[in-house]
Amino acid sequence: MQRYCFVLDLRPDPVLIAEYIRLHQGVWPEIRESIREAGVLDMQIYRLGDRLFMIMDTLDDFTLERKAALDAANPKVIEWETLMGTFQQVDAAGDLTRRWQLMDKIFQLT
C-alpha cells in the first residue's frame, strides 16, 4: 500500500465552503467509482478553515500519472472537477486533475 497526502485551499467564503462540504457528503457515484478504478483504497479529506488536507491510500501499483490520465478521459470526473473549481483557490485554466498539491513526508514515528 502507498499513502499520498495533499493540500488545497478553498476560497475563503463561508457560503462556498458550506456548499463544498455538502457536495462531498453526497459525492456522485461515478466519482467514487473512478477513484476506486484508479487504485485508491481509501480517501479522506479534512478541513481547517479554508485549507483542505487529503490522505489517499492506494494499491502498490498506483501512479498519479495513471489516475490523471483516467480522470482526463472521464467526462463525469471533468464535470465534477469543473464544479469543484468554483470553490477552490486554483487557476481556472490549470489542469483539473492536478489541483491538489502533493505534500512531502518529513517525519514518521515507527
N, C-alpha and C. Protein backbone atom coordinates (compact mmCIF):
# COMPACT_ATOMS: atom_id res chain seq x y z
N MET A 1 0.84 -1.18 0.00
CA MET A 1 0.00 0.00 0.00
C MET A 1 0.88 1.24 0.00
N GLN A 2 0.45 2.25 -0.73
CA GLN A 2 1.11 3.54 -0.74
C GLN A 2 0.18 4.58 -0.10
N ARG A 3 0.77 5.61 0.48
CA ARG A 3 -0.03 6.69 1.05
C ARG A 3 0.45 8.01 0.45
N TYR A 4 -0.51 8.81 0.03
CA TYR A 4 -0.24 10.13 -0.51
C TYR A 4 -1.00 11.15 0.33
N CYS A 5 -0.39 12.31 0.56
CA CYS A 5 -1.05 13.40 1.29
C CYS A 5 -0.99 14.65 0.44
N PHE A 6 -2.11 15.34 0.36
CA PHE A 6 -2.24 16.51 -0.49
C PHE A 6 -2.85 17.66 0.30
N VAL A 7 -2.64 18.87 -0.21
CA VAL A 7 -3.23 20.07 0.37
C VAL A 7 -3.84 20.91 -0.75
N LEU A 8 -4.90 21.63 -0.39
CA LEU A 8 -5.58 22.52 -1.33
C LEU A 8 -6.31 23.56 -0.51
N ASP A 9 -6.39 24.78 -1.02
CA ASP A 9 -7.11 25.84 -0.33
C ASP A 9 -8.44 26.13 -1.03
N LEU A 10 -9.46 26.35 -0.21
CA LEU A 10 -10.76 26.77 -0.71
C LEU A 10 -10.82 28.29 -0.74
N ARG A 11 -11.76 28.80 -1.50
CA ARG A 11 -12.00 30.25 -1.47
C ARG A 11 -12.50 30.59 -0.06
N PRO A 12 -12.02 31.67 0.54
CA PRO A 12 -12.39 31.98 1.93
C PRO A 12 -13.78 32.62 2.02
N ASP A 13 -14.79 31.84 1.66
CA ASP A 13 -16.17 32.29 1.67
C ASP A 13 -17.00 31.23 2.40
N PRO A 14 -17.57 31.56 3.57
CA PRO A 14 -18.30 30.55 4.35
C PRO A 14 -19.45 29.89 3.59
N VAL A 15 -20.10 30.60 2.71
CA VAL A 15 -21.21 30.02 1.93
C VAL A 15 -20.66 28.99 0.95
N LEU A 16 -19.58 29.33 0.26
CA LEU A 16 -18.97 28.39 -0.68
C LEU A 16 -18.41 27.16 0.05
N ILE A 17 -17.79 27.38 1.18
CA ILE A 17 -17.23 26.26 1.95
C ILE A 17 -18.34 25.32 2.41
N ALA A 18 -19.45 25.88 2.86
CA ALA A 18 -20.59 25.05 3.29
C ALA A 18 -21.13 24.22 2.12
N GLU A 19 -21.19 24.80 0.94
CA GLU A 19 -21.68 24.07 -0.23
C GLU A 19 -20.68 22.99 -0.65
N TYR A 20 -19.40 23.28 -0.56
CA TYR A 20 -18.37 22.30 -0.87
C TYR A 20 -18.50 21.09 0.05
N ILE A 21 -18.69 21.34 1.32
CA ILE A 21 -18.87 20.26 2.30
C ILE A 21 -20.13 19.46 1.97
N ARG A 22 -21.23 20.16 1.68
CA ARG A 22 -22.48 19.48 1.34
C ARG A 22 -22.30 18.55 0.15
N LEU A 23 -21.63 19.04 -0.89
CA LEU A 23 -21.41 18.23 -2.08
C LEU A 23 -20.56 16.99 -1.78
N HIS A 24 -19.60 17.13 -0.86
CA HIS A 24 -18.75 15.99 -0.52
C HIS A 24 -19.45 14.99 0.41
N GLN A 25 -20.54 15.37 1.00
CA GLN A 25 -21.32 14.42 1.80
C GLN A 25 -22.19 13.54 0.91
N GLY A 26 -22.26 13.89 -0.37
CA GLY A 26 -23.01 13.10 -1.35
C GLY A 26 -22.26 13.02 -2.66
N VAL A 27 -20.98 12.64 -2.60
CA VAL A 27 -20.15 12.56 -3.80
C VAL A 27 -20.84 11.67 -4.83
N TRP A 28 -20.85 12.12 -6.06
CA TRP A 28 -21.52 11.36 -7.13
C TRP A 28 -20.97 9.94 -7.22
N PRO A 29 -21.83 8.96 -7.46
CA PRO A 29 -21.38 7.56 -7.55
C PRO A 29 -20.30 7.36 -8.61
N GLU A 30 -20.40 8.08 -9.72
CA GLU A 30 -19.40 7.95 -10.78
C GLU A 30 -18.02 8.41 -10.33
N ILE A 31 -18.00 9.37 -9.42
CA ILE A 31 -16.72 9.87 -8.90
C ILE A 31 -16.12 8.83 -7.96
N ARG A 32 -16.94 8.29 -7.08
CA ARG A 32 -16.47 7.22 -6.19
C ARG A 32 -15.91 6.05 -7.01
N GLU A 33 -16.63 5.67 -8.06
CA GLU A 33 -16.21 4.56 -8.91
C GLU A 33 -14.87 4.88 -9.60
N SER A 34 -14.72 6.10 -10.09
CA SER A 34 -13.48 6.45 -10.79
C SER A 34 -12.28 6.45 -9.83
N ILE A 35 -12.50 6.86 -8.60
CA ILE A 35 -11.43 6.86 -7.61
C ILE A 35 -10.96 5.43 -7.34
N ARG A 36 -11.91 4.53 -7.14
CA ARG A 36 -11.56 3.13 -6.88
C ARG A 36 -10.92 2.48 -8.10
N GLU A 37 -11.45 2.81 -9.30
CA GLU A 37 -10.90 2.25 -10.54
C GLU A 37 -9.42 2.61 -10.71
N ALA A 38 -9.03 3.77 -10.23
CA ALA A 38 -7.65 4.21 -10.36
C ALA A 38 -6.71 3.50 -9.38
N GLY A 39 -7.27 2.75 -8.43
CA GLY A 39 -6.44 2.02 -7.47
C GLY A 39 -6.38 2.65 -6.09
N VAL A 40 -7.33 3.54 -5.81
CA VAL A 40 -7.39 4.16 -4.48
C VAL A 40 -8.22 3.27 -3.57
N LEU A 41 -7.63 2.87 -2.44
CA LEU A 41 -8.30 2.01 -1.47
C LEU A 41 -9.13 2.82 -0.49
N ASP A 42 -8.60 3.97 -0.08
CA ASP A 42 -9.28 4.84 0.88
C ASP A 42 -8.86 6.27 0.61
N MET A 43 -9.78 7.19 0.82
CA MET A 43 -9.51 8.61 0.66
C MET A 43 -10.27 9.35 1.75
N GLN A 44 -9.56 10.25 2.42
CA GLN A 44 -10.18 11.07 3.45
C GLN A 44 -9.78 12.52 3.22
N ILE A 45 -10.73 13.43 3.44
CA ILE A 45 -10.45 14.86 3.33
C ILE A 45 -10.79 15.51 4.66
N TYR A 46 -9.87 16.30 5.17
CA TYR A 46 -10.05 17.06 6.41
C TYR A 46 -9.99 18.55 6.09
N ARG A 47 -10.63 19.35 6.93
CA ARG A 47 -10.66 20.79 6.72
C ARG A 47 -10.28 21.54 7.97
N LEU A 48 -9.50 22.60 7.81
CA LEU A 48 -9.22 23.57 8.86
C LEU A 48 -9.39 24.93 8.22
N GLY A 49 -10.48 25.61 8.55
CA GLY A 49 -10.77 26.89 7.92
C GLY A 49 -11.00 26.69 6.44
N ASP A 50 -10.17 27.34 5.62
CA ASP A 50 -10.31 27.18 4.17
C ASP A 50 -9.22 26.28 3.58
N ARG A 51 -8.48 25.57 4.44
CA ARG A 51 -7.44 24.65 3.99
C ARG A 51 -7.96 23.22 4.07
N LEU A 52 -7.72 22.45 3.00
CA LEU A 52 -8.09 21.04 2.95
C LEU A 52 -6.84 20.18 2.96
N PHE A 53 -6.95 19.03 3.60
CA PHE A 53 -5.88 18.04 3.66
C PHE A 53 -6.48 16.71 3.25
N MET A 54 -5.89 16.05 2.26
CA MET A 54 -6.41 14.78 1.77
C MET A 54 -5.37 13.69 1.97
N ILE A 55 -5.82 12.57 2.51
CA ILE A 55 -4.99 11.36 2.65
C ILE A 55 -5.56 10.33 1.68
N MET A 56 -4.68 9.74 0.89
CA MET A 56 -5.12 8.77 -0.09
C MET A 56 -4.25 7.52 0.05
N ASP A 57 -4.86 6.40 0.38
CA ASP A 57 -4.18 5.12 0.45
C ASP A 57 -4.49 4.36 -0.83
N THR A 58 -3.45 3.81 -1.46
CA THR A 58 -3.61 3.21 -2.78
C THR A 58 -2.99 1.82 -2.85
N LEU A 59 -3.30 1.14 -3.94
CA LEU A 59 -2.63 -0.12 -4.25
C LEU A 59 -1.16 0.16 -4.51
N ASP A 60 -0.34 -0.86 -4.39
CA ASP A 60 1.10 -0.72 -4.60
C ASP A 60 1.45 -0.23 -6.01
N ASP A 61 0.67 -0.65 -7.01
CA ASP A 61 0.99 -0.27 -8.39
C ASP A 61 0.33 1.04 -8.84
N PHE A 62 -0.31 1.74 -7.93
CA PHE A 62 -0.94 3.02 -8.24
C PHE A 62 0.10 4.05 -8.67
N THR A 63 -0.28 4.87 -9.67
CA THR A 63 0.55 6.02 -10.03
C THR A 63 -0.35 7.24 -10.20
N LEU A 64 0.18 8.38 -9.85
CA LEU A 64 -0.57 9.63 -10.03
C LEU A 64 -0.79 9.91 -11.52
N GLU A 65 0.16 9.51 -12.35
CA GLU A 65 0.03 9.72 -13.79
C GLU A 65 -1.13 8.90 -14.37
N ARG A 66 -1.25 7.67 -13.93
CA ARG A 66 -2.36 6.83 -14.42
C ARG A 66 -3.69 7.40 -13.96
N LYS A 67 -3.78 7.82 -12.70
CA LYS A 67 -5.02 8.40 -12.21
C LYS A 67 -5.36 9.67 -12.99
N ALA A 68 -4.37 10.52 -13.26
CA ALA A 68 -4.61 11.74 -14.02
C ALA A 68 -5.12 11.42 -15.43
N ALA A 69 -4.55 10.40 -16.06
CA ALA A 69 -4.99 10.01 -17.40
C ALA A 69 -6.42 9.47 -17.38
N LEU A 70 -6.73 8.64 -16.39
CA LEU A 70 -8.10 8.13 -16.26
C LEU A 70 -9.09 9.27 -16.02
N ASP A 71 -8.71 10.20 -15.14
CA ASP A 71 -9.59 11.35 -14.84
C ASP A 71 -9.82 12.20 -16.07
N ALA A 72 -8.76 12.47 -16.82
CA ALA A 72 -8.86 13.33 -18.01
C ALA A 72 -9.72 12.72 -19.10
N ALA A 73 -9.86 11.39 -19.08
CA ALA A 73 -10.66 10.69 -20.08
C ALA A 73 -12.10 10.44 -19.63
N ASN A 74 -12.44 10.87 -18.42
CA ASN A 74 -13.76 10.59 -17.86
C ASN A 74 -14.60 11.88 -17.81
N PRO A 75 -15.63 12.00 -18.66
CA PRO A 75 -16.43 13.23 -18.70
C PRO A 75 -17.07 13.58 -17.35
N LYS A 76 -17.46 12.59 -16.59
CA LYS A 76 -18.10 12.87 -15.29
C LYS A 76 -17.09 13.43 -14.30
N VAL A 77 -15.86 12.93 -14.33
CA VAL A 77 -14.80 13.47 -13.47
C VAL A 77 -14.50 14.91 -13.87
N ILE A 78 -14.43 15.18 -15.17
CA ILE A 78 -14.19 16.55 -15.64
C ILE A 78 -15.32 17.46 -15.18
N GLU A 79 -16.55 17.00 -15.26
CA GLU A 79 -17.70 17.78 -14.78
C GLU A 79 -17.58 18.07 -13.28
N TRP A 80 -17.25 17.05 -12.50
CA TRP A 80 -17.09 17.20 -11.04
C TRP A 80 -15.96 18.18 -10.72
N GLU A 81 -14.81 17.99 -11.37
CA GLU A 81 -13.66 18.84 -11.10
C GLU A 81 -13.91 20.29 -11.53
N THR A 82 -14.64 20.47 -12.60
CA THR A 82 -15.01 21.83 -13.02
C THR A 82 -15.89 22.48 -11.97
N LEU A 83 -16.86 21.73 -11.45
CA LEU A 83 -17.72 22.24 -10.39
C LEU A 83 -16.90 22.54 -9.13
N MET A 84 -16.00 21.64 -8.75
CA MET A 84 -15.18 21.86 -7.55
C MET A 84 -14.29 23.09 -7.69
N GLY A 85 -13.89 23.40 -8.91
CA GLY A 85 -13.05 24.57 -9.15
C GLY A 85 -13.71 25.88 -8.76
N THR A 86 -15.03 25.90 -8.69
CA THR A 86 -15.73 27.13 -8.27
C THR A 86 -15.54 27.39 -6.78
N PHE A 87 -15.12 26.39 -6.04
CA PHE A 87 -14.93 26.50 -4.59
C PHE A 87 -13.46 26.60 -4.20
N GLN A 88 -12.59 26.18 -5.09
CA GLN A 88 -11.17 26.05 -4.78
C GLN A 88 -10.38 27.26 -5.27
N GLN A 89 -9.33 27.60 -4.53
CA GLN A 89 -8.43 28.67 -4.96
C GLN A 89 -7.41 28.07 -5.91
N VAL A 90 -7.80 27.97 -7.16
CA VAL A 90 -6.96 27.35 -8.17
C VAL A 90 -7.01 28.18 -9.45
N ASP A 91 -6.04 27.96 -10.30
CA ASP A 91 -6.03 28.58 -11.62
C ASP A 91 -7.11 27.90 -12.45
N ALA A 92 -8.12 28.67 -12.84
CA ALA A 92 -9.24 28.10 -13.60
C ALA A 92 -8.78 27.47 -14.91
N ALA A 93 -7.69 27.94 -15.46
CA ALA A 93 -7.17 27.39 -16.72
C ALA A 93 -6.21 26.23 -16.48
N GLY A 94 -5.93 25.94 -15.22
CA GLY A 94 -4.97 24.89 -14.88
C GLY A 94 -5.52 23.50 -15.10
N ASP A 95 -4.67 22.52 -14.93
CA ASP A 95 -5.01 21.11 -15.09
C ASP A 95 -6.00 20.70 -14.01
N LEU A 96 -7.19 20.28 -14.43
CA LEU A 96 -8.24 19.88 -13.49
C LEU A 96 -7.81 18.72 -12.60
N THR A 97 -6.95 17.87 -13.11
CA THR A 97 -6.58 16.66 -12.38
C THR A 97 -5.36 16.87 -11.48
N ARG A 98 -4.80 18.07 -11.43
CA ARG A 98 -3.59 18.32 -10.65
C ARG A 98 -3.74 19.51 -9.70
N ARG A 99 -4.93 19.75 -9.23
CA ARG A 99 -5.16 20.90 -8.35
C ARG A 99 -4.63 20.67 -6.94
N TRP A 100 -4.77 19.47 -6.46
CA TRP A 100 -4.27 19.13 -5.12
C TRP A 100 -2.75 19.07 -5.19
N GLN A 101 -2.08 19.69 -4.23
CA GLN A 101 -0.62 19.71 -4.20
C GLN A 101 -0.10 18.60 -3.31
N LEU A 102 0.76 17.77 -3.87
CA LEU A 102 1.34 16.64 -3.15
C LEU A 102 2.30 17.16 -2.07
N MET A 103 2.15 16.62 -0.87
CA MET A 103 2.99 17.02 0.26
C MET A 103 4.13 16.04 0.43
N ASP A 104 5.26 16.52 0.95
CA ASP A 104 6.41 15.67 1.26
C ASP A 104 6.32 15.23 2.72
N LYS A 105 6.52 13.92 2.94
CA LYS A 105 6.57 13.42 4.31
C LYS A 105 7.93 13.77 4.90
N ILE A 106 7.91 14.37 6.09
CA ILE A 106 9.16 14.76 6.72
C ILE A 106 9.41 14.03 8.04
N PHE A 107 8.42 13.26 8.52
CA PHE A 107 8.59 12.54 9.79
C PHE A 107 7.66 11.36 9.82
N GLN A 108 8.12 10.27 10.42
CA GLN A 108 7.27 9.11 10.68
C GLN A 108 7.75 8.45 11.96
N LEU A 109 6.84 8.22 12.88
CA LEU A 109 7.14 7.52 14.13
C LEU A 109 6.91 6.05 13.90
N THR A 110 7.99 5.28 13.93
CA THR A 110 7.83 3.82 13.74
C THR A 110 8.58 3.08 14.82
